[in-house]
Every structure is written in C-alpha cells, then in structure tokens.
C-alpha cells in the first residue's frame, strides 16, 4: 500500500465502485482508505463513482454495500461509472444518486 492520502470512499467490501472525494485526471492514483488503489482511466469529477474492478455488462454495480443498478456495457477498472454506462433498475435506490 502506498502513502497516498485517500481520495475515494468505499464503504463495504462488496462494493465494486468508490465515490471520489476529489476530482482526478487520467492516470491519477485513486486511493481508498481501505488500501485499494486504481488508476483513473480519464478525468472524473469529485462526488462521482469509479470502478474498482472490471465490471462485465449486466453485472450488478454495488455502492455502500447495495446494488445501484447494473453495467450497461463492460466497465474497466478505473473507469468513470455514471449514466453513460450504468443502467438503473427497480432496486429501490435513489434515481438522483451519483
């Protein structure tokens, strides 16, 4: 584990996305307090989600230990996860959530 200050939050070990505490640029290291690190594949704004693992199309996306939808396409580790690649369903989550 590196000495980087955490710049993302992952709440539950089952989460496959983390929420950014700061904006990042392509190539920046995204570090979670839990010790997980990934490289950003592109610019991602503060408060948005980043994939912590590869997520296959149709696979559930977990944030804070709960499914928030499923991957609308394959999502690579370090990629921005948002409305362009996250398909929402009737899981009971908040539609306004990032």
Foldseek 3Di string as FASTA:
>chain_A
DDPDDAQWEAQDPPAQKTAGQAWDAAQDWHAYPVGQIDGANGTDGHGFIFGSAWFAAPRFGDGNRATQAHFNHTHHGNYTDDPVTGDGDPRPDDPPHD
